[in-house]
Amino acid sequence: MLAEIGQYTLAFSMMISLVLSLIPLYGYFTNNQSMMQTARPLAYMQLIFLLTSFLILVTCLLYTSDA
């Protein structure tokens, strides 16, 4: 079950990166400050989910390895 949670957080991080690349860029072209200001919180959220996914998947690797 832990590996699936790691995969889901990795997929959610990928979706956040897609939103991070679209919303601030659209805000730049339409000169919308509130849309451009979403970049920093989205980047932090992506960092949290990516780090969580990495730690979960490394933990699964260490528990299931034979060495």
N, C-alpha and C. Protein backbone atom coordinates (compact mmCIF):
# COMPACT_ATOMS: atom_id res chain seq x y z
N MET A 1 0.82 -1.19 0.00
CA MET A 1 0.00 0.00 0.00
C MET A 1 0.87 1.26 0.00
N LEU A 2 2.02 1.18 0.62
CA LEU A 2 2.90 2.33 0.70
C LEU A 2 3.43 2.72 -0.68
N ALA A 3 3.71 1.73 -1.51
CA ALA A 3 4.21 2.02 -2.85
C ALA A 3 3.15 2.72 -3.70
N GLU A 4 1.91 2.35 -3.53
CA GLU A 4 0.84 3.00 -4.28
C GLU A 4 0.69 4.46 -3.86
N ILE A 5 0.83 4.72 -2.58
CA ILE A 5 0.75 6.11 -2.10
C ILE A 5 1.90 6.92 -2.69
N GLY A 6 3.07 6.33 -2.76
CA GLY A 6 4.21 7.01 -3.37
C GLY A 6 3.97 7.31 -4.84
N GLN A 7 3.36 6.36 -5.55
CA GLN A 7 3.05 6.58 -6.96
C GLN A 7 1.99 7.66 -7.14
N TYR A 8 0.98 7.67 -6.27
CA TYR A 8 -0.07 8.69 -6.37
C TYR A 8 0.47 10.08 -6.07
N THR A 9 1.36 10.20 -5.09
CA THR A 9 1.93 11.51 -4.80
C THR A 9 2.84 11.97 -5.95
N LEU A 10 3.51 11.03 -6.60
CA LEU A 10 4.33 11.38 -7.75
C LEU A 10 3.46 11.85 -8.92
N ALA A 11 2.34 11.17 -9.15
CA ALA A 11 1.43 11.59 -10.22
C ALA A 11 0.80 12.94 -9.90
N PHE A 12 0.46 13.17 -8.64
CA PHE A 12 -0.11 14.45 -8.25
C PHE A 12 0.92 15.57 -8.39
N SER A 13 2.17 15.26 -8.13
CA SER A 13 3.24 16.23 -8.33
C SER A 13 3.38 16.58 -9.81
N MET A 14 3.18 15.60 -10.67
CA MET A 14 3.24 15.87 -12.10
C MET A 14 2.07 16.77 -12.53
N MET A 15 0.90 16.55 -11.97
CA MET A 15 -0.24 17.42 -12.29
C MET A 15 -0.01 18.84 -11.79
N ILE A 16 0.60 18.96 -10.62
CA ILE A 16 0.91 20.29 -10.10
C ILE A 16 1.92 20.99 -11.00
N SER A 17 2.89 20.25 -11.53
CA SER A 17 3.87 20.88 -12.42
C SER A 17 3.21 21.35 -13.71
N LEU A 18 2.21 20.64 -14.18
CA LEU A 18 1.49 21.08 -15.36
C LEU A 18 0.72 22.37 -15.07
N VAL A 19 0.06 22.43 -13.92
CA VAL A 19 -0.66 23.64 -13.52
C VAL A 19 0.33 24.78 -13.30
N LEU A 20 1.49 24.46 -12.74
CA LEU A 20 2.52 25.47 -12.49
C LEU A 20 3.07 26.06 -13.79
N SER A 21 3.07 25.28 -14.83
CA SER A 21 3.57 25.81 -16.09
C SER A 21 2.51 26.58 -16.87
N LEU A 22 1.23 26.36 -16.58
CA LEU A 22 0.18 27.01 -17.36
C LEU A 22 -0.39 28.27 -16.72
N ILE A 23 -0.75 28.22 -15.45
CA ILE A 23 -1.46 29.34 -14.83
C ILE A 23 -0.60 30.61 -14.73
N PRO A 24 0.62 30.56 -14.21
CA PRO A 24 1.41 31.80 -14.17
C PRO A 24 1.75 32.34 -15.56
N LEU A 25 1.96 31.46 -16.52
CA LEU A 25 2.26 31.91 -17.87
C LEU A 25 1.05 32.61 -18.49
N TYR A 26 -0.12 32.05 -18.29
CA TYR A 26 -1.34 32.71 -18.78
C TYR A 26 -1.56 34.04 -18.06
N GLY A 27 -1.24 34.08 -16.78
CA GLY A 27 -1.34 35.33 -16.03
C GLY A 27 -0.37 36.38 -16.54
N TYR A 28 0.78 35.96 -16.99
CA TYR A 28 1.75 36.90 -17.56
C TYR A 28 1.23 37.51 -18.86
N PHE A 29 0.67 36.65 -19.72
CA PHE A 29 0.19 37.15 -21.00
C PHE A 29 -1.05 38.02 -20.86
N THR A 30 -1.88 37.77 -19.85
CA THR A 30 -3.08 38.58 -19.66
C THR A 30 -2.85 39.69 -18.65
N ASN A 31 -1.64 39.81 -18.13
CA ASN A 31 -1.26 40.82 -17.14
C ASN A 31 -2.15 40.73 -15.89
N ASN A 32 -2.32 39.51 -15.40
CA ASN A 32 -3.12 39.25 -14.22
C ASN A 32 -2.18 38.90 -13.06
N GLN A 33 -2.02 39.81 -12.13
CA GLN A 33 -1.07 39.63 -11.02
C GLN A 33 -1.44 38.45 -10.13
N SER A 34 -2.72 38.25 -9.87
CA SER A 34 -3.11 37.17 -8.95
C SER A 34 -2.79 35.79 -9.54
N MET A 35 -2.88 35.66 -10.85
CA MET A 35 -2.52 34.38 -11.47
C MET A 35 -1.01 34.18 -11.47
N MET A 36 -0.26 35.27 -11.63
CA MET A 36 1.20 35.14 -11.61
C MET A 36 1.70 34.83 -10.20
N GLN A 37 0.98 35.29 -9.18
CA GLN A 37 1.41 35.05 -7.81
C GLN A 37 1.13 33.64 -7.33
N THR A 38 0.46 32.82 -8.14
CA THR A 38 0.25 31.42 -7.76
C THR A 38 1.49 30.57 -7.97
N ALA A 39 2.52 31.12 -8.61
CA ALA A 39 3.70 30.33 -8.95
C ALA A 39 4.44 29.84 -7.70
N ARG A 40 4.65 30.73 -6.75
CA ARG A 40 5.43 30.34 -5.57
C ARG A 40 4.71 29.28 -4.71
N PRO A 41 3.42 29.44 -4.38
CA PRO A 41 2.75 28.38 -3.60
C PRO A 41 2.67 27.05 -4.36
N LEU A 42 2.47 27.12 -5.67
CA LEU A 42 2.44 25.89 -6.45
C LEU A 42 3.81 25.21 -6.47
N ALA A 43 4.88 25.99 -6.53
CA ALA A 43 6.21 25.41 -6.50
C ALA A 43 6.50 24.75 -5.15
N TYR A 44 6.06 25.40 -4.07
CA TYR A 44 6.23 24.77 -2.76
C TYR A 44 5.42 23.50 -2.63
N MET A 45 4.20 23.52 -3.17
CA MET A 45 3.36 22.33 -3.11
C MET A 45 3.97 21.20 -3.93
N GLN A 46 4.54 21.54 -5.08
CA GLN A 46 5.20 20.53 -5.88
C GLN A 46 6.41 19.95 -5.15
N LEU A 47 7.17 20.79 -4.49
CA LEU A 47 8.32 20.33 -3.72
C LEU A 47 7.88 19.36 -2.62
N ILE A 48 6.83 19.70 -1.92
CA ILE A 48 6.35 18.84 -0.82
C ILE A 48 5.91 17.48 -1.35
N PHE A 49 5.11 17.48 -2.42
CA PHE A 49 4.63 16.20 -2.94
C PHE A 49 5.74 15.38 -3.57
N LEU A 50 6.69 16.02 -4.24
CA LEU A 50 7.79 15.29 -4.85
C LEU A 50 8.72 14.71 -3.79
N LEU A 51 9.00 15.49 -2.75
CA LEU A 51 9.84 15.00 -1.66
C LEU A 51 9.16 13.86 -0.90
N THR A 52 7.86 13.99 -0.68
CA THR A 52 7.11 12.93 -0.01
C THR A 52 7.14 11.65 -0.83
N SER A 53 6.93 11.79 -2.12
CA SER A 53 6.97 10.63 -3.00
C SER A 53 8.35 9.97 -2.99
N PHE A 54 9.39 10.78 -3.06
CA PHE A 54 10.74 10.23 -3.04
C PHE A 54 11.02 9.47 -1.74
N LEU A 55 10.65 10.07 -0.62
CA LEU A 55 10.91 9.41 0.67
C LEU A 55 10.12 8.12 0.82
N ILE A 56 8.88 8.12 0.38
CA ILE A 56 8.06 6.91 0.47
C ILE A 56 8.63 5.81 -0.42
N LEU A 57 9.00 6.15 -1.65
CA LEU A 57 9.49 5.13 -2.57
C LEU A 57 10.87 4.61 -2.17
N VAL A 58 11.71 5.46 -1.60
CA VAL A 58 13.01 4.99 -1.11
C VAL A 58 12.81 4.08 0.10
N THR A 59 11.87 4.43 0.96
CA THR A 59 11.56 3.58 2.10
C THR A 59 11.07 2.22 1.64
N CYS A 60 10.22 2.18 0.63
CA CYS A 60 9.77 0.89 0.09
C CYS A 60 10.93 0.10 -0.49
N LEU A 61 11.83 0.78 -1.17
CA LEU A 61 12.98 0.09 -1.74
C LEU A 61 13.86 -0.51 -0.65
N LEU A 62 14.08 0.24 0.42
CA LEU A 62 14.94 -0.27 1.49
C LEU A 62 14.31 -1.43 2.24
N TYR A 63 13.00 -1.41 2.40
CA TYR A 63 12.35 -2.50 3.11
C TYR A 63 12.21 -3.76 2.27
N THR A 64 12.17 -3.61 0.96
CA THR A 64 11.98 -4.79 0.13
C THR A 64 13.28 -5.32 -0.49
N SER A 65 14.39 -4.63 -0.30
CA SER A 65 15.64 -5.11 -0.90
C SER A 65 16.19 -6.29 -0.09
N ASP A 66 16.89 -7.15 -0.78
CA ASP A 66 17.45 -8.35 -0.14
C ASP A 66 18.85 -8.12 0.40
N ALA A 67 19.47 -7.06 0.04
CA ALA A 67 20.86 -6.82 0.44
C ALA A 67 20.98 -6.31 1.83
